[in-house]
Amino acid sequence: MTTQITSLAPERIDVVLDCSGLLCPLPVYRASLALNQLSPGEVLEVIATDPGALEDIPALARQTGSVLLGVERGQDRHRFWIEKGSRS
């Protein structure tokens, strides 16, 4: 279940990945690479303009055992907060 949040405390975010302007599959690919660099419990913020990211980023979180903390859907920009799970 995804919580709709509008922001996450900056001190809670470990890495910000700006994928603005990139089209599928690049946002989810780069998010996957970034998640691989994090330790369990660390939080990745992904910024994307590609509408496909609204499905791809939550799917990435599920597939990697990470937690999608929230999604901010904007008119032309979306933000996702993912906490790396222990098995990803």
N, C-alpha and C. Protein backbone atom coordinates (compact mmCIF):
# COMPACT_ATOMS: atom_id res chain seq x y z
N MET A 1 0.83 -1.17 0.00
CA MET A 1 0.00 0.00 0.00
C MET A 1 0.88 1.24 0.00
N THR A 2 0.59 2.20 -0.87
CA THR A 2 1.37 3.41 -1.00
C THR A 2 0.66 4.56 -0.30
N THR A 3 1.38 5.27 0.50
CA THR A 3 0.85 6.43 1.17
C THR A 3 1.08 7.64 0.28
N GLN A 4 0.06 8.47 0.12
CA GLN A 4 0.22 9.70 -0.62
C GLN A 4 0.79 10.74 0.35
N ILE A 5 2.03 11.14 0.12
CA ILE A 5 2.64 12.18 0.94
C ILE A 5 3.16 13.26 0.00
N THR A 6 3.31 14.45 0.52
CA THR A 6 3.77 15.53 -0.33
C THR A 6 5.25 15.83 -0.14
N SER A 7 5.83 15.30 0.91
CA SER A 7 7.26 15.47 1.11
C SER A 7 7.72 14.54 2.22
N LEU A 8 9.00 14.40 2.29
CA LEU A 8 9.62 13.60 3.34
C LEU A 8 10.69 14.50 3.94
N ALA A 9 10.86 14.43 5.24
CA ALA A 9 11.85 15.28 5.90
C ALA A 9 13.21 15.11 5.21
N PRO A 10 13.84 16.20 4.84
CA PRO A 10 15.12 16.11 4.11
C PRO A 10 16.17 15.26 4.82
N GLU A 11 16.18 15.28 6.15
CA GLU A 11 17.18 14.48 6.85
C GLU A 11 16.89 12.99 6.75
N ARG A 12 15.70 12.61 6.33
CA ARG A 12 15.33 11.20 6.16
C ARG A 12 15.79 10.66 4.81
N ILE A 13 16.06 11.56 3.85
CA ILE A 13 16.44 11.16 2.50
C ILE A 13 17.96 11.05 2.40
N ASP A 14 18.42 9.88 1.95
CA ASP A 14 19.86 9.65 1.84
C ASP A 14 20.40 10.00 0.46
N VAL A 15 19.61 9.74 -0.59
CA VAL A 15 20.04 10.00 -1.96
C VAL A 15 18.86 10.54 -2.75
N VAL A 16 19.11 11.58 -3.56
CA VAL A 16 18.10 12.12 -4.47
C VAL A 16 18.56 11.81 -5.89
N LEU A 17 17.69 11.18 -6.65
CA LEU A 17 17.98 10.82 -8.04
C LEU A 17 17.00 11.57 -8.93
N ASP A 18 17.50 12.51 -9.72
CA ASP A 18 16.65 13.31 -10.60
C ASP A 18 16.71 12.72 -12.01
N CYS A 19 15.60 12.11 -12.40
CA CYS A 19 15.48 11.50 -13.73
C CYS A 19 14.60 12.34 -14.66
N SER A 20 14.48 13.62 -14.35
CA SER A 20 13.66 14.51 -15.17
C SER A 20 14.14 14.49 -16.62
N GLY A 21 13.18 14.37 -17.53
CA GLY A 21 13.50 14.37 -18.96
C GLY A 21 13.85 13.01 -19.53
N LEU A 22 14.04 12.02 -18.69
CA LEU A 22 14.38 10.68 -19.17
C LEU A 22 13.11 9.87 -19.41
N LEU A 23 13.13 9.08 -20.47
CA LEU A 23 11.98 8.24 -20.81
C LEU A 23 12.26 6.80 -20.44
N CYS A 24 11.19 6.02 -20.33
CA CYS A 24 11.25 4.59 -20.03
C CYS A 24 12.20 3.91 -21.01
N PRO A 25 13.06 3.07 -20.52
CA PRO A 25 13.17 2.49 -19.18
C PRO A 25 14.20 3.17 -18.28
N LEU A 26 14.73 4.32 -18.69
CA LEU A 26 15.84 4.91 -17.95
C LEU A 26 15.52 5.29 -16.50
N PRO A 27 14.36 5.89 -16.17
CA PRO A 27 14.14 6.22 -14.75
C PRO A 27 14.17 4.99 -13.83
N VAL A 28 13.50 3.93 -14.23
CA VAL A 28 13.48 2.74 -13.37
C VAL A 28 14.85 2.05 -13.36
N TYR A 29 15.55 2.08 -14.47
CA TYR A 29 16.89 1.49 -14.55
C TYR A 29 17.84 2.24 -13.61
N ARG A 30 17.83 3.56 -13.68
CA ARG A 30 18.71 4.36 -12.82
C ARG A 30 18.32 4.25 -11.35
N ALA A 31 17.02 4.15 -11.09
CA ALA A 31 16.57 3.97 -9.71
C ALA A 31 17.06 2.62 -9.17
N SER A 32 17.03 1.60 -10.00
CA SER A 32 17.52 0.29 -9.60
C SER A 32 19.01 0.34 -9.26
N LEU A 33 19.78 1.01 -10.10
CA LEU A 33 21.22 1.15 -9.84
C LEU A 33 21.47 1.91 -8.53
N ALA A 34 20.69 2.96 -8.31
CA ALA A 34 20.85 3.75 -7.09
C ALA A 34 20.48 2.94 -5.85
N LEU A 35 19.39 2.17 -5.93
CA LEU A 35 18.99 1.32 -4.80
C LEU A 35 20.08 0.31 -4.46
N ASN A 36 20.73 -0.22 -5.49
CA ASN A 36 21.80 -1.20 -5.26
C ASN A 36 22.97 -0.62 -4.48
N GLN A 37 23.14 0.68 -4.53
CA GLN A 37 24.25 1.34 -3.83
C GLN A 37 23.91 1.68 -2.38
N LEU A 38 22.63 1.57 -2.02
CA LEU A 38 22.20 1.93 -0.67
C LEU A 38 22.28 0.74 0.29
N SER A 39 22.34 1.05 1.55
CA SER A 39 22.26 0.03 2.60
C SER A 39 20.80 -0.11 3.01
N PRO A 40 20.42 -1.28 3.53
CA PRO A 40 19.04 -1.45 4.00
C PRO A 40 18.65 -0.34 4.98
N GLY A 41 17.43 0.19 4.79
CA GLY A 41 16.92 1.25 5.64
C GLY A 41 17.17 2.65 5.10
N GLU A 42 18.10 2.79 4.16
CA GLU A 42 18.34 4.10 3.57
C GLU A 42 17.22 4.44 2.59
N VAL A 43 17.01 5.74 2.38
CA VAL A 43 15.90 6.21 1.56
C VAL A 43 16.39 6.90 0.29
N LEU A 44 15.79 6.49 -0.81
CA LEU A 44 16.06 7.07 -2.13
C LEU A 44 14.84 7.89 -2.54
N GLU A 45 15.08 9.12 -2.95
CA GLU A 45 14.03 9.95 -3.55
C GLU A 45 14.28 9.96 -5.05
N VAL A 46 13.27 9.61 -5.82
CA VAL A 46 13.36 9.62 -7.28
C VAL A 46 12.42 10.69 -7.81
N ILE A 47 12.94 11.53 -8.68
CA ILE A 47 12.14 12.55 -9.35
C ILE A 47 12.08 12.15 -10.81
N ALA A 48 10.87 12.07 -11.37
CA ALA A 48 10.71 11.63 -12.76
C ALA A 48 9.61 12.43 -13.44
N THR A 49 9.79 12.63 -14.74
CA THR A 49 8.77 13.30 -15.56
C THR A 49 8.05 12.31 -16.47
N ASP A 50 8.60 11.13 -16.64
CA ASP A 50 7.99 10.11 -17.50
C ASP A 50 6.75 9.54 -16.81
N PRO A 51 5.57 9.60 -17.47
CA PRO A 51 4.35 9.07 -16.85
C PRO A 51 4.44 7.58 -16.52
N GLY A 52 5.24 6.84 -17.25
CA GLY A 52 5.40 5.41 -16.99
C GLY A 52 6.03 5.11 -15.65
N ALA A 53 6.72 6.09 -15.09
CA ALA A 53 7.35 5.90 -13.78
C ALA A 53 6.32 5.67 -12.69
N LEU A 54 5.10 6.15 -12.89
CA LEU A 54 4.04 5.95 -11.89
C LEU A 54 3.72 4.47 -11.68
N GLU A 55 3.98 3.66 -12.67
CA GLU A 55 3.81 2.21 -12.53
C GLU A 55 5.15 1.52 -12.29
N ASP A 56 6.19 1.99 -12.98
CA ASP A 56 7.49 1.32 -12.94
C ASP A 56 8.20 1.42 -11.60
N ILE A 57 8.19 2.59 -10.98
CA ILE A 57 8.92 2.76 -9.72
C ILE A 57 8.27 1.95 -8.59
N PRO A 58 6.94 1.98 -8.42
CA PRO A 58 6.34 1.11 -7.40
C PRO A 58 6.61 -0.38 -7.66
N ALA A 59 6.61 -0.78 -8.93
CA ALA A 59 6.92 -2.18 -9.26
C ALA A 59 8.35 -2.52 -8.87
N LEU A 60 9.28 -1.60 -9.10
CA LEU A 60 10.67 -1.81 -8.70
C LEU A 60 10.76 -2.02 -7.20
N ALA A 61 10.07 -1.20 -6.44
CA ALA A 61 10.10 -1.34 -4.98
C ALA A 61 9.60 -2.72 -4.56
N ARG A 62 8.49 -3.16 -5.14
CA ARG A 62 7.94 -4.49 -4.80
C ARG A 62 8.93 -5.59 -5.17
N GLN A 63 9.50 -5.51 -6.36
CA GLN A 63 10.39 -6.57 -6.84
C GLN A 63 11.67 -6.67 -6.03
N THR A 64 12.11 -5.57 -5.47
CA THR A 64 13.37 -5.59 -4.72
C THR A 64 13.16 -5.77 -3.22
N GLY A 65 11.90 -5.88 -2.79
CA GLY A 65 11.63 -6.02 -1.36
C GLY A 65 11.81 -4.73 -0.60
N SER A 66 11.80 -3.62 -1.32
CA SER A 66 11.91 -2.31 -0.69
C SER A 66 10.52 -1.79 -0.36
N VAL A 67 10.47 -0.68 0.38
CA VAL A 67 9.20 -0.11 0.80
C VAL A 67 9.00 1.23 0.08
N LEU A 68 7.90 1.33 -0.64
CA LEU A 68 7.54 2.59 -1.26
C LEU A 68 6.86 3.43 -0.18
N LEU A 69 7.59 4.40 0.34
CA LEU A 69 7.09 5.20 1.45
C LEU A 69 6.01 6.18 1.00
N GLY A 70 6.11 6.63 -0.24
CA GLY A 70 5.12 7.58 -0.71
C GLY A 70 5.37 8.01 -2.13
N VAL A 71 4.34 8.62 -2.69
CA VAL A 71 4.37 9.12 -4.05
C VAL A 71 3.73 10.50 -4.07
N GLU A 72 4.37 11.42 -4.75
CA GLU A 72 3.78 12.72 -4.99
C GLU A 72 3.55 12.83 -6.49
N ARG A 73 2.29 12.83 -6.89
CA ARG A 73 1.96 12.94 -8.31
C ARG A 73 1.78 14.41 -8.65
N GLY A 74 2.62 14.89 -9.54
CA GLY A 74 2.50 16.27 -10.00
C GLY A 74 1.94 16.30 -11.41
N GLN A 75 1.68 17.48 -11.87
CA GLN A 75 1.14 17.60 -13.23
C GLN A 75 2.16 17.14 -14.26
N ASP A 76 3.42 17.50 -14.06
CA ASP A 76 4.44 17.09 -15.02
C ASP A 76 5.71 16.57 -14.36
N ARG A 77 5.66 16.35 -13.05
CA ARG A 77 6.81 15.80 -12.33
C ARG A 77 6.29 14.99 -11.15
N HIS A 78 6.90 13.83 -10.94
CA HIS A 78 6.48 12.94 -9.86
C HIS A 78 7.68 12.67 -8.95
N ARG A 79 7.39 12.47 -7.66
CA ARG A 79 8.44 12.13 -6.69
C ARG A 79 8.05 10.82 -6.00
N PHE A 80 9.05 10.01 -5.77
CA PHE A 80 8.86 8.72 -5.11
C PHE A 80 9.89 8.61 -4.00
N TRP A 81 9.48 8.05 -2.87
CA TRP A 81 10.40 7.81 -1.77
C TRP A 81 10.41 6.31 -1.49
N ILE A 82 11.59 5.72 -1.61
CA ILE A 82 11.76 4.28 -1.47
C ILE A 82 12.76 3.98 -0.37
N GLU A 83 12.36 3.17 0.59
CA GLU A 83 13.30 2.72 1.63
C GLU A 83 13.80 1.35 1.22
N LYS A 84 15.11 1.24 1.11
CA LYS A 84 15.70 -0.02 0.67
C LYS A 84 15.42 -1.12 1.69
N GLY A 85 14.96 -2.24 1.18
CA GLY A 85 14.69 -3.39 2.02
C GLY A 85 15.94 -4.22 2.26
N SER A 86 15.82 -5.21 3.08
CA SER A 86 16.99 -6.03 3.44
C SER A 86 17.37 -7.04 2.37
N ARG A 87 16.45 -7.36 1.44
CA ARG A 87 16.81 -8.37 0.43
C ARG A 87 17.18 -7.77 -0.92
N SER A 88 17.13 -6.45 -1.05
CA SER A 88 17.44 -5.84 -2.35
C SER A 88 18.92 -5.52 -2.48
